[in-house]
Each structure stands twice: as C-alpha cells, then as structure tokens.
Amino acid sequence: MLKESTKKLIHRFRMIGIAEGISFLVLLLIAMPLKYIFKIPEAVKIIGWIHGALFITFIYFAFEVMGNCKKNMGWFAKAFIAAIIPCGTFIFDKQLKQDPELQ
C-alpha cells in the first residue's frame, strides 16, 4: 500500500503528463501552422514556453516518482520517450493506471 504523499505525487505526475501532452498537440497542430502558414510567430513563442515548462516539470516529476516508487531507469526512459512523442504521455498515463505497484 502506498503512502498518501506518494499517491498525491503520482496524481500530480499524471495531471502534469496530461497537460504536457495537450500542450504538445496544441504546439504541433495549432501554433506551428499559425507560424508557418499564417506568419504569426508569436503563437509558437507563447505555446512553446508553456510546453517547455510543462516538459521540464513532467521530467522532474518522473524522476521523483522513480525515486519514491523505486522504479528503474528503464521506467524513467519510457517516461522521457513518452514526453517527446505526440500522444505519448496519454499512452504512458494509461500504463500508469494499470501498474499495480502504483495503486
């Protein structure tokens, strides 16, 4: 059984993962076309900063979860790869929900 603080950490990690995934899709599907098709580079600048902050936060929380839940570097590598692939964090979140060690 996980401690309450560890459960909160995992919940925050999952929420950051979802936000990071959404920001990545917004960057790719909305901001990039605005920049290159409609010549509005500000969209990428703003969304890029938001996505970058969420990416760093996701990696930080992945490192924290790895330490608290005694996961190995392979697990951390999966989290990192999920963060750089479009929709990867959504797939990773589904795996987190099914992991019996994180319940």
PDB file of N, CA and C in Angstrom:
ATOM      1  N   MET A   1       0.837  -1.180   0.000  1.00  0.00           N
ATOM      2  CA  MET A   1       0.000   0.000   0.000  1.00  0.00           C
ATOM      3  C   MET A   1       0.884   1.247   0.000  1.00  0.00           C
ATOM      4  N   LEU A   2       0.579   2.178  -0.873  1.00  0.00           N
ATOM      5  CA  LEU A   2       1.361   3.404  -0.975  1.00  0.00           C
ATOM      6  C   LEU A   2       0.924   4.417   0.078  1.00  0.00           C
ATOM      7  N   LYS A   3       1.879   5.237   0.505  1.00  0.00           N
ATOM      8  CA  LYS A   3       1.568   6.332   1.425  1.00  0.00           C
ATOM      9  C   LYS A   3       0.728   7.375   0.703  1.00  0.00           C
ATOM     10  N   GLU A   4       0.025   8.154   1.494  1.00  0.00           N
ATOM     11  CA  GLU A   4      -0.829   9.216   0.930  1.00  0.00           C
ATOM     12  C   GLU A   4      -0.009  10.231   0.139  1.00  0.00           C
ATOM     13  N   SER A   5       1.180  10.576   0.636  1.00  0.00           N
ATOM     14  CA  SER A   5       2.019  11.548  -0.064  1.00  0.00           C
ATOM     15  C   SER A   5       2.487  11.011  -1.418  1.00  0.00           C
ATOM     16  N   THR A   6       2.752   9.711  -1.483  1.00  0.00           N
ATOM     17  CA  THR A   6       3.169   9.103  -2.750  1.00  0.00           C
ATOM     18  C   THR A   6       2.006   9.063  -3.729  1.00  0.00           C
ATOM     19  N   LYS A   7       0.811   8.801  -3.224  1.00  0.00           N
ATOM     20  CA  LYS A   7      -0.377   8.811  -4.090  1.00  0.00           C
ATOM     21  C   LYS A   7      -0.602  10.209  -4.674  1.00  0.00           C
ATOM     22  N   LYS A   8      -0.410  11.242  -3.855  1.00  0.00           N
ATOM     23  CA  LYS A   8      -0.560  12.611  -4.340  1.00  0.00           C
ATOM     24  C   LYS A   8       0.490  12.936  -5.389  1.00  0.00           C
ATOM     25  N   LEU A   9       1.711  12.466  -5.169  1.00  0.00           N
ATOM     26  CA  LEU A   9       2.790  12.681  -6.135  1.00  0.00           C
ATOM     27  C   LEU A   9       2.450  12.034  -7.473  1.00  0.00           C
ATOM     28  N   ILE A  10       1.965  10.812  -7.437  1.00  0.00           N
ATOM     29  CA  ILE A  10       1.591  10.103  -8.671  1.00  0.00           C
ATOM     30  C   ILE A  10       0.432  10.824  -9.363  1.00  0.00           C
ATOM     31  N   HIS A  11      -0.530  11.295  -8.585  1.00  0.00           N
ATOM     32  CA  HIS A  11      -1.661  12.029  -9.171  1.00  0.00           C
ATOM     33  C   HIS A  11      -1.173  13.303  -9.864  1.00  0.00           C
ATOM     34  N   ARG A  12      -0.294  14.052  -9.196  1.00  0.00           N
ATOM     35  CA  ARG A  12       0.256  15.270  -9.799  1.00  0.00           C
ATOM     36  C   ARG A  12       1.040  14.941 -11.065  1.00  0.00           C
ATOM     37  N   PHE A  13       1.811  13.865 -11.011  1.00  0.00           N
ATOM     38  CA  PHE A  13       2.588  13.431 -12.179  1.00  0.00           C
ATOM     39  C   PHE A  13       1.664  13.126 -13.351  1.00  0.00           C
ATOM     40  N   ARG A  14       0.573  12.428 -13.084  1.00  0.00           N
ATOM     41  CA  ARG A  14      -0.368  12.098 -14.156  1.00  0.00           C
ATOM     42  C   ARG A  14      -1.019  13.354 -14.728  1.00  0.00           C
ATOM     43  N   MET A  15      -1.395  14.299 -13.878  1.00  0.00           N
ATOM     44  CA  MET A  15      -2.024  15.534 -14.351  1.00  0.00           C
ATOM     45  C   MET A  15      -1.043  16.375 -15.168  1.00  0.00           C
ATOM     46  N   ILE A  16       0.201  16.461 -14.724  1.00  0.00           N
ATOM     47  CA  ILE A  16       1.222  17.183 -15.491  1.00  0.00           C
ATOM     48  C   ILE A  16       1.436  16.492 -16.832  1.00  0.00           C
ATOM     49  N   GLY A  17       1.421  15.161 -16.847  1.00  0.00           N
ATOM     50  CA  GLY A  17       1.582  14.415 -18.097  1.00  0.00           C
ATOM     51  C   GLY A  17       0.479  14.718 -19.091  1.00  0.00           C
ATOM     52  N   ILE A  18      -0.740  14.792 -18.605  1.00  0.00           N
ATOM     53  CA  ILE A  18      -1.863  15.114 -19.489  1.00  0.00           C
ATOM     54  C   ILE A  18      -1.729  16.546 -20.014  1.00  0.00           C
ATOM     55  N   ALA A  19      -1.388  17.480 -19.128  1.00  0.00           N
ATOM     56  CA  ALA A  19      -1.216  18.875 -19.555  1.00  0.00           C
ATOM     57  C   ALA A  19      -0.070  18.992 -20.559  1.00  0.00           C
ATOM     58  N   GLU A  20       1.019  18.263 -20.329  1.00  0.00           N
ATOM     59  CA  GLU A  20       2.164  18.295 -21.246  1.00  0.00           C
ATOM     60  C   GLU A  20       1.766  17.739 -22.614  1.00  0.00           C
ATOM     61  N   GLY A  21       1.007  16.660 -22.613  1.00  0.00           N
ATOM     62  CA  GLY A  21       0.552  16.081 -23.871  1.00  0.00           C
ATOM     63  C   GLY A  21      -0.358  17.015 -24.653  1.00  0.00           C
ATOM     64  N   ILE A  22      -1.250  17.679 -23.944  1.00  0.00           N
ATOM     65  CA  ILE A  22      -2.150  18.638 -24.597  1.00  0.00           C
ATOM     66  C   ILE A  22      -1.355  19.809 -25.159  1.00  0.00           C
ATOM     67  N   SER A  23      -0.398  20.319 -24.363  1.00  0.00           N
ATOM     68  CA  SER A  23       0.390  21.461 -24.845  1.00  0.00           C
ATOM     69  C   SER A  23       1.222  21.080 -26.068  1.00  0.00           C
ATOM     70  N   PHE A  24       1.709  19.847 -26.118  1.00  0.00           N
ATOM     71  CA  PHE A  24       2.482  19.381 -27.271  1.00  0.00           C
ATOM     72  C   PHE A  24       1.602  19.344 -28.517  1.00  0.00           C
ATOM     73  N   LEU A  25       0.381  18.830 -28.360  1.00  0.00           N
ATOM     74  CA  LEU A  25      -0.529  18.787 -29.504  1.00  0.00           C
ATOM     75  C   LEU A  25      -0.939  20.187 -29.956  1.00  0.00           C
ATOM     76  N   VAL A  26      -1.167  21.087 -29.011  1.00  0.00           N
ATOM     77  CA  VAL A  26      -1.501  22.472 -29.370  1.00  0.00           C
ATOM     78  C   VAL A  26      -0.326  23.098 -30.121  1.00  0.00           C
ATOM     79  N   LEU A  27       0.878  22.842 -29.646  1.00  0.00           N
ATOM     80  CA  LEU A  27       2.068  23.377 -30.316  1.00  0.00           C
ATOM     81  C   LEU A  27       2.171  22.852 -31.747  1.00  0.00           C
ATOM     82  N   LEU A  28       1.999  21.549 -31.918  1.00  0.00           N
ATOM     83  CA  LEU A  28       2.148  20.951 -33.250  1.00  0.00           C
ATOM     84  C   LEU A  28       0.992  21.270 -34.200  1.00  0.00           C
ATOM     85  N   LEU A  29      -0.233  21.231 -33.668  1.00  0.00           N
ATOM     86  CA  LEU A  29      -1.403  21.315 -34.548  1.00  0.00           C
ATOM     87  C   LEU A  29      -1.990  22.717 -34.701  1.00  0.00           C
ATOM     88  N   ILE A  30      -1.680  23.611 -33.774  1.00  0.00           N
ATOM     89  CA  ILE A  30      -2.233  24.964 -33.865  1.00  0.00           C
ATOM     90  C   ILE A  30      -1.129  26.005 -34.030  1.00  0.00           C
ATOM     91  N   ALA A  31      -0.169  26.013 -33.109  1.00  0.00           N
ATOM     92  CA  ALA A  31       0.844  27.070 -33.121  1.00  0.00           C
ATOM     93  C   ALA A  31       1.770  26.983 -34.336  1.00  0.00           C
ATOM     94  N   MET A  32       2.215  25.794 -34.686  1.00  0.00           N
ATOM     95  CA  MET A  32       3.121  25.656 -35.834  1.00  0.00           C
ATOM     96  C   MET A  32       2.442  26.068 -37.148  1.00  0.00           C
ATOM     97  N   PRO A  33       1.204  25.634 -37.422  1.00  0.00           N
ATOM     98  CA  PRO A  33       0.546  26.144 -38.632  1.00  0.00           C
ATOM     99  C   PRO A  33       0.341  27.661 -38.611  1.00  0.00           C
ATOM    100  N   LEU A  34       0.035  28.222 -37.435  1.00  0.00           N
ATOM    101  CA  LEU A  34      -0.100  29.677 -37.362  1.00  0.00           C
ATOM    102  C   LEU A  34       1.208  30.369 -37.733  1.00  0.00           C
ATOM    103  N   LYS A  35       2.308  29.787 -37.309  1.00  0.00           N
ATOM    104  CA  LYS A  35       3.606  30.400 -37.603  1.00  0.00           C
ATOM    105  C   LYS A  35       3.965  30.269 -39.082  1.00  0.00           C
ATOM    106  N   TYR A  36       3.850  29.073 -39.623  1.00  0.00           N
ATOM    107  CA  TYR A  36       4.366  28.838 -40.967  1.00  0.00           C
ATOM    108  C   TYR A  36       3.367  29.100 -42.094  1.00  0.00           C
ATOM    109  N   ILE A  37       2.093  29.001 -41.812  1.00  0.00           N
ATOM    110  CA  ILE A  37       1.097  29.254 -42.856  1.00  0.00           C
ATOM    111  C   ILE A  37       0.598  30.695 -42.806  1.00  0.00           C
ATOM    112  N   PHE A  38       0.280  31.163 -41.584  1.00  0.00           N
ATOM    113  CA  PHE A  38      -0.307  32.492 -41.429  1.00  0.00           C
ATOM    114  C   PHE A  38       0.689  33.548 -40.957  1.00  0.00           C
ATOM    115  N   LYS A  39       1.951  33.160 -40.824  1.00  0.00           N
ATOM    116  CA  LYS A  39       3.029  34.099 -40.452  1.00  0.00           C
ATOM    117  C   LYS A  39       2.767  34.813 -39.113  1.00  0.00           C
ATOM    118  N   ILE A  40       2.342  34.025 -38.121  1.00  0.00           N
ATOM    119  CA  ILE A  40       2.128  34.554 -36.772  1.00  0.00           C
ATOM    120  C   ILE A  40       3.075  33.809 -35.822  1.00  0.00           C
ATOM    121  N   PRO A  41       4.322  34.257 -35.705  1.00  0.00           N
ATOM    122  CA  PRO A  41       5.300  33.515 -34.896  1.00  0.00           C
ATOM    123  C   PRO A  41       5.071  33.610 -33.392  1.00  0.00           C
ATOM    124  N   GLU A  42       4.270  34.559 -32.941  1.00  0.00           N
ATOM    125  CA  GLU A  42       4.025  34.720 -31.510  1.00  0.00           C
ATOM    126  C   GLU A  42       3.360  33.483 -30.902  1.00  0.00           C
ATOM    127  N   ALA A  43       2.547  32.785 -31.694  1.00  0.00           N
ATOM    128  CA  ALA A  43       1.857  31.599 -31.183  1.00  0.00           C
ATOM    129  C   ALA A  43       2.852  30.543 -30.722  1.00  0.00           C
ATOM    130  N   VAL A  44       3.885  30.312 -31.537  1.00  0.00           N
ATOM    131  CA  VAL A  44       4.893  29.319 -31.171  1.00  0.00           C
ATOM    132  C   VAL A  44       5.692  29.793 -29.966  1.00  0.00           C
ATOM    133  N   LYS A  45       5.950  31.068 -29.901  1.00  0.00           N
ATOM    134  CA  LYS A  45       6.723  31.599 -28.774  1.00  0.00           C
ATOM    135  C   LYS A  45       5.982  31.377 -27.457  1.00  0.00           C
ATOM    136  N   ILE A  46       4.710  31.696 -27.433  1.00  0.00           N
ATOM    137  CA  ILE A  46       3.921  31.570 -26.205  1.00  0.00           C
ATOM    138  C   ILE A  46       3.671  30.103 -25.852  1.00  0.00           C
ATOM    139  N   ILE A  47       3.137  29.345 -26.789  1.00  0.00           N
ATOM    140  CA  ILE A  47       2.839  27.937 -26.537  1.00  0.00           C
ATOM    141  C   ILE A  47       4.138  27.152 -26.314  1.00  0.00           C
ATOM    142  N   GLY A  48       5.192  27.529 -27.006  1.00  0.00           N
ATOM    143  CA  GLY A  48       6.482  26.868 -26.824  1.00  0.00           C
ATOM    144  C   GLY A  48       7.006  27.015 -25.407  1.00  0.00           C
ATOM    145  N   TRP A  49       6.884  28.207 -24.835  1.00  0.00           N
ATOM    146  CA  TRP A  49       7.298  28.428 -23.448  1.00  0.00           C
ATOM    147  C   TRP A  49       6.465  27.589 -22.497  1.00  0.00           C
ATOM    148  N   ILE A  50       5.173  27.577 -22.707  1.00  0.00           N
ATOM    149  CA  ILE A  50       4.281  26.789 -21.840  1.00  0.00           C
ATOM    150  C   ILE A  50       4.628  25.317 -21.941  1.00  0.00           C
ATOM    151  N   HIS A  51       4.768  24.829 -23.169  1.00  0.00           N
ATOM    152  CA  HIS A  51       5.098  23.419 -23.365  1.00  0.00           C
ATOM    153  C   HIS A  51       6.465  23.089 -22.754  1.00  0.00           C
ATOM    154  N   GLY A  52       7.431  23.951 -22.929  1.00  0.00           N
ATOM    155  CA  GLY A  52       8.752  23.718 -22.366  1.00  0.00           C
ATOM    156  C   GLY A  52       8.721  23.605 -20.855  1.00  0.00           C
ATOM    157  N   ALA A  53       7.972  24.491 -20.203  1.00  0.00           N
ATOM    158  CA  ALA A  53       7.847  24.439 -18.744  1.00  0.00           C
ATOM    159  C   ALA A  53       7.159  23.149 -18.299  1.00  0.00           C
ATOM    160  N   LEU A  54       6.111  22.753 -19.021  1.00  0.00           N
ATOM    161  CA  LEU A  54       5.420  21.511 -18.680  1.00  0.00           C
ATOM    162  C   LEU A  54       6.292  20.291 -18.934  1.00  0.00           C
ATOM    163  N   PHE A  55       7.097  20.320 -19.986  1.00  0.00           N
ATOM    164  CA  PHE A  55       8.014  19.216 -20.282  1.00  0.00           C
ATOM    165  C   PHE A  55       9.023  19.052 -19.148  1.00  0.00           C
ATOM    166  N   ILE A  56       9.649  20.155 -18.726  1.00  0.00           N
ATOM    167  CA  ILE A  56      10.625  20.104 -17.638  1.00  0.00           C
ATOM    168  C   ILE A  56       9.961  19.605 -16.352  1.00  0.00           C
ATOM    169  N   THR A  57       8.754  20.083 -16.078  1.00  0.00           N
ATOM    170  CA  THR A  57       8.022  19.655 -14.888  1.00  0.00           C
ATOM    171  C   THR A  57       7.691  18.173 -14.953  1.00  0.00           C
ATOM    172  N   PHE A  58       7.289  17.691 -16.133  1.00  0.00           N
ATOM    173  CA  PHE A  58       6.981  16.270 -16.306  1.00  0.00           C
ATOM    174  C   PHE A  58       8.217  15.421 -16.029  1.00  0.00           C
ATOM    175  N   ILE A  59       9.355  15.804 -16.559  1.00  0.00           N
ATOM    176  CA  ILE A  59      10.585  15.043 -16.347  1.00  0.00           C
ATOM    177  C   ILE A  59      10.980  15.075 -14.870  1.00  0.00           C
ATOM    178  N   TYR A  60      10.838  16.231 -14.225  1.00  0.00           N
ATOM    179  CA  TYR A  60      11.142  16.342 -12.798  1.00  0.00           C
ATOM    180  C   TYR A  60      10.250  15.392 -11.989  1.00  0.00           C
ATOM    181  N   PHE A  61       8.939  15.407 -12.262  1.00  0.00           N
ATOM    182  CA  PHE A  61       8.027  14.535 -11.530  1.00  0.00           C
ATOM    183  C   PHE A  61       8.298  13.063 -11.847  1.00  0.00           C
ATOM    184  N   ALA A  62       8.686  12.755 -13.068  1.00  0.00           N
ATOM    185  CA  ALA A  62       9.035  11.363 -13.405  1.00  0.00           C
ATOM    186  C   ALA A  62      10.218  10.911 -12.558  1.00  0.00           C
ATOM    187  N   PHE A  63      11.194  11.798 -12.387  1.00  0.00           N
ATOM    188  CA  PHE A  63      12.354  11.485 -11.560  1.00  0.00           C
ATOM    189  C   PHE A  63      11.937  11.281 -10.098  1.00  0.00           C
ATOM    190  N   GLU A  64      11.038  12.128  -9.607  1.00  0.00           N
ATOM    191  CA  GLU A  64      10.553  11.999  -8.228  1.00  0.00           C
ATOM    192  C   GLU A  64       9.777  10.698  -8.027  1.00  0.00           C
ATOM    193  N   VAL A  65       8.898  10.364  -8.969  1.00  0.00           N
ATOM    194  CA  VAL A  65       8.127   9.120  -8.870  1.00  0.00           C
ATOM    195  C   VAL A  65       9.066   7.922  -8.939  1.00  0.00           C
ATOM    196  N   MET A  66      10.062   7.989  -9.812  1.00  0.00           N
ATOM    197  CA  MET A  66      11.030   6.901  -9.926  1.00  0.00           C
ATOM    198  C   MET A  66      11.704   6.661  -8.572  1.00  0.00           C
ATOM    199  N   GLY A  67      12.103   7.719  -7.892  1.00  0.00           N
ATOM    200  CA  GLY A  67      12.762   7.575  -6.597  1.00  0.00           C
ATOM    201  C   GLY A  67      11.833   7.101  -5.506  1.00  0.00           C
ATOM    202  N   ASN A  68      10.635   7.669  -5.435  1.00  0.00           N
ATOM    203  CA  ASN A  68       9.689   7.303  -4.369  1.00  0.00           C
ATOM    204  C   ASN A  68       9.106   5.911  -4.537  1.00  0.00           C
ATOM    205  N   CYS A  69       8.889   5.494  -5.764  1.00  0.00           N
ATOM    206  CA  CYS A  69       8.249   4.193  -6.020  1.00  0.00           C
ATOM    207  C   CYS A  69       9.261   3.116  -6.410  1.00  0.00           C
ATOM    208  N   LYS A  70      10.529   3.452  -6.315  1.00  0.00           N
ATOM    209  CA  LYS A  70      11.619   2.510  -6.600  1.00  0.00           C
ATOM    210  C   LYS A  70      11.507   1.889  -7.999  1.00  0.00           C
ATOM    211  N   LYS A  71      11.266   2.748  -8.962  1.00  0.00           N
ATOM    212  CA  LYS A  71      11.247   2.317 -10.361  1.00  0.00           C
ATOM    213  C   LYS A  71      12.677   2.376 -10.901  1.00  0.00           C
ATOM    214  N   ASN A  72      12.938   1.641 -11.974  1.00  0.00           N
ATOM    215  CA  ASN A  72      14.291   1.615 -12.540  1.00  0.00           C
ATOM    216  C   ASN A  72      14.453   2.654 -13.649  1.00  0.00           C
ATOM    217  N   MET A  73      15.665   2.742 -14.171  1.00  0.00           N
ATOM    218  CA  MET A  73      15.950   3.724 -15.227  1.00  0.00           C
ATOM    219  C   MET A  73      15.193   3.409 -16.514  1.00  0.00           C
ATOM    220  N   GLY A  74      14.850   2.163 -16.734  1.00  0.00           N
ATOM    221  CA  GLY A  74      14.044   1.797 -17.901  1.00  0.00           C
ATOM    222  C   GLY A  74      12.674   2.457 -17.849  1.00  0.00           C
ATOM    223  N   TRP A  75      12.092   2.498 -16.666  1.00  0.00           N
ATOM    224  CA  TRP A  75      10.804   3.158 -16.483  1.00  0.00           C
ATOM    225  C   TRP A  75      10.938   4.653 -16.767  1.00  0.00           C
ATOM    226  N   PHE A  76      12.019   5.252 -16.248  1.00  0.00           N
ATOM    227  CA  PHE A  76      12.257   6.678 -16.477  1.00  0.00           C
ATOM    228  C   PHE A  76      12.475   6.954 -17.964  1.00  0.00           C
ATOM    229  N   ALA A  77      13.181   6.058 -18.645  1.00  0.00           N
ATOM    230  CA  ALA A  77      13.409   6.218 -20.087  1.00  0.00           C
ATOM    231  C   ALA A  77      12.083   6.176 -20.844  1.00  0.00           C
ATOM    232  N   LYS A  78      11.169   5.291 -20.426  1.00  0.00           N
ATOM    233  CA  LYS A  78       9.840   5.244 -21.052  1.00  0.00           C
ATOM    234  C   LYS A  78       9.099   6.565 -20.865  1.00  0.00           C
ATOM    235  N   ALA A  79       9.187   7.117 -19.658  1.00  0.00           N
ATOM    236  CA  ALA A  79       8.529   8.400 -19.385  1.00  0.00           C
ATOM    237  C   ALA A  79       9.122   9.489 -20.266  1.00  0.00           C
ATOM    238  N   PHE A  80      10.436   9.511 -20.402  1.00  0.00           N
ATOM    239  CA  PHE A  80      11.094  10.517 -21.229  1.00  0.00           C
ATOM    240  C   PHE A  80      10.690  10.381 -22.692  1.00  0.00           C
ATOM    241  N   ILE A  81      10.701   9.162 -23.200  1.00  0.00           N
ATOM    242  CA  ILE A  81      10.314   8.917 -24.594  1.00  0.00           C
ATOM    243  C   ILE A  81       8.850   9.302 -24.811  1.00  0.00           C
ATOM    244  N   ALA A  82       8.000   8.999 -23.819  1.00  0.00           N
ATOM    245  CA  ALA A  82       6.583   9.366 -23.929  1.00  0.00           C
ATOM    246  C   ALA A  82       6.414  10.878 -24.049  1.00  0.00           C
ATOM    247  N   ALA A  83       7.301  11.629 -23.403  1.00  0.00           N
ATOM    248  CA  ALA A  83       7.194  13.089 -23.421  1.00  0.00           C
ATOM    249  C   ALA A  83       7.619  13.692 -24.758  1.00  0.00           C
ATOM    250  N   ILE A  84       8.401  12.965 -25.552  1.00  0.00           N
ATOM    251  CA  ILE A  84       8.861  13.539 -26.824  1.00  0.00           C
ATOM    252  C   ILE A  84       8.119  12.989 -28.035  1.00  0.00           C
ATOM    253  N   ILE A  85       7.189  12.079 -27.804  1.00  0.00           N
ATOM    254  CA  ILE A  85       6.368  11.529 -28.884  1.00  0.00           C
ATOM    255  C   ILE A  85       4.957  12.099 -28.757  1.00  0.00           C
ATOM    256  N   PRO A  86       4.379  12.622 -29.845  1.00  0.00           N
ATOM    257  CA  PRO A  86       2.999  13.118 -29.753  1.00  0.00           C
ATOM    258  C   PRO A  86       2.057  12.026 -29.242  1.00  0.00           C
ATOM    259  N   CYS A  87       1.231  12.360 -28.303  1.00  0.00           N
ATOM    260  CA  CYS A  87       0.271  11.461 -27.639  1.00  0.00           C
ATOM    261  C   CYS A  87       0.951  10.411 -26.753  1.00  0.00           C
ATOM    262  N   GLY A  88       2.250  10.482 -26.610  1.00  0.00           N
ATOM    263  CA  GLY A  88       2.977   9.511 -25.789  1.00  0.00           C
ATOM    264  C   GLY A  88       2.618   9.576 -24.325  1.00  0.00           C
ATOM    265  N   THR A  89       2.379  10.779 -23.811  1.00  0.00           N
ATOM    266  CA  THR A  89       2.041  10.890 -22.392  1.00  0.00           C
ATOM    267  C   THR A  89       0.662  10.310 -22.095  1.00  0.00           C
ATOM    268  N   PHE A  90      -0.225  10.327 -23.072  1.00  0.00           N
ATOM    269  CA  PHE A  90      -1.547   9.736 -22.864  1.00  0.00           C
ATOM    270  C   PHE A  90      -1.440   8.212 -22.775  1.00  0.00           C
ATOM    271  N   ILE A  91      -0.612   7.627 -23.614  1.00  0.00           N
ATOM    272  CA  ILE A  91      -0.387   6.182 -23.580  1.00  0.00           C
ATOM    273  C   ILE A  91       0.323   5.800 -22.287  1.00  0.00           C
ATOM    274  N   PHE A  92       1.319   6.597 -21.890  1.00  0.00           N
ATOM    275  CA  PHE A  92       2.049   6.349 -20.653  1.00  0.00           C
ATOM    276  C   PHE A  92       1.120   6.459 -19.443  1.00  0.00           C
ATOM    277  N   ASP A  93       0.193   7.411 -19.472  1.00  0.00           N
ATOM    278  CA  ASP A  93      -0.767   7.557 -18.381  1.00  0.00           C
ATOM    279  C   ASP A  93      -1.646   6.319 -18.260  1.00  0.00           C
ATOM    280  N   LYS A  94      -2.050   5.772 -19.371  1.00  0.00           N
ATOM    281  CA  LYS A  94      -2.864   4.550 -19.355  1.00  0.00           C
ATOM    282  C   LYS A  94      -2.085   3.408 -18.708  1.00  0.00           C
ATOM    283  N   GLN A  95      -0.797   3.302 -19.010  1.00  0.00           N
ATOM    284  CA  GLN A  95       0.037   2.271 -18.393  1.00  0.00           C
ATOM    285  C   GLN A  95       0.214   2.527 -16.900  1.00  0.00           C
ATOM    286  N   LEU A  96       0.305   3.798 -16.511  1.00  0.00           N
ATOM    287  CA  LEU A  96       0.425   4.123 -15.082  1.00  0.00           C
ATOM    288  C   LEU A  96      -0.807   3.666 -14.321  1.00  0.00           C
ATOM    289  N   LYS A  97      -1.977   3.868 -14.904  1.00  0.00           N
ATOM    290  CA  LYS A  97      -3.218   3.463 -14.237  1.00  0.00           C
ATOM    291  C   LYS A  97      -3.303   1.942 -14.063  1.00  0.00           C
ATOM    292  N   GLN A  98      -2.643   1.203 -14.951  1.00  0.00           N
ATOM    293  CA  GLN A  98      -2.701  -0.254 -14.887  1.00  0.00           C
ATOM    294  C   GLN A  98      -1.570  -0.862 -14.067  1.00  0.00           C
ATOM    295  N   ASP A  99      -0.599  -0.062 -13.644  1.00  0.00           N
ATOM    296  CA  ASP A  99       0.541  -0.564 -12.881  1.00  0.00           C
ATOM    297  C   ASP A  99       0.107  -0.862 -11.443  1.00  0.00           C
ATOM    298  N   PRO A 100       0.148  -2.137 -11.033  1.00  0.00           N
ATOM    299  CA  PRO A 100      -0.311  -2.481  -9.670  1.00  0.00           C
ATOM    300  C   PRO A 100       0.596  -1.898  -8.578  1.00  0.00           C
ATOM    301  N   GLU A 101       1.853  -1.625  -8.878  1.00  0.00           N
ATOM    302  CA  GLU A 101       2.758  -1.067  -7.884  1.00  0.00           C
ATOM    303  C   GLU A 101       2.421   0.391  -7.560  1.00  0.00           C
ATOM    304  N   LEU A 102       1.705   1.064  -8.438  1.00  0.00           N
ATOM    305  CA  LEU A 102       1.388   2.479  -8.251  1.00  0.00           C
ATOM    306  C   LEU A 102      -0.047   2.695  -7.764  1.00  0.00           C
ATOM    307  N   GLN A 103      -0.694   1.652  -7.334  1.00  0.00           N
ATOM    308  CA  GLN A 103      -2.085   1.766  -6.860  1.00  0.00           C
ATOM    309  C   GLN A 103      -2.139   1.938  -5.366  1.00  0.00           C
TER     310      GLN A 103
END
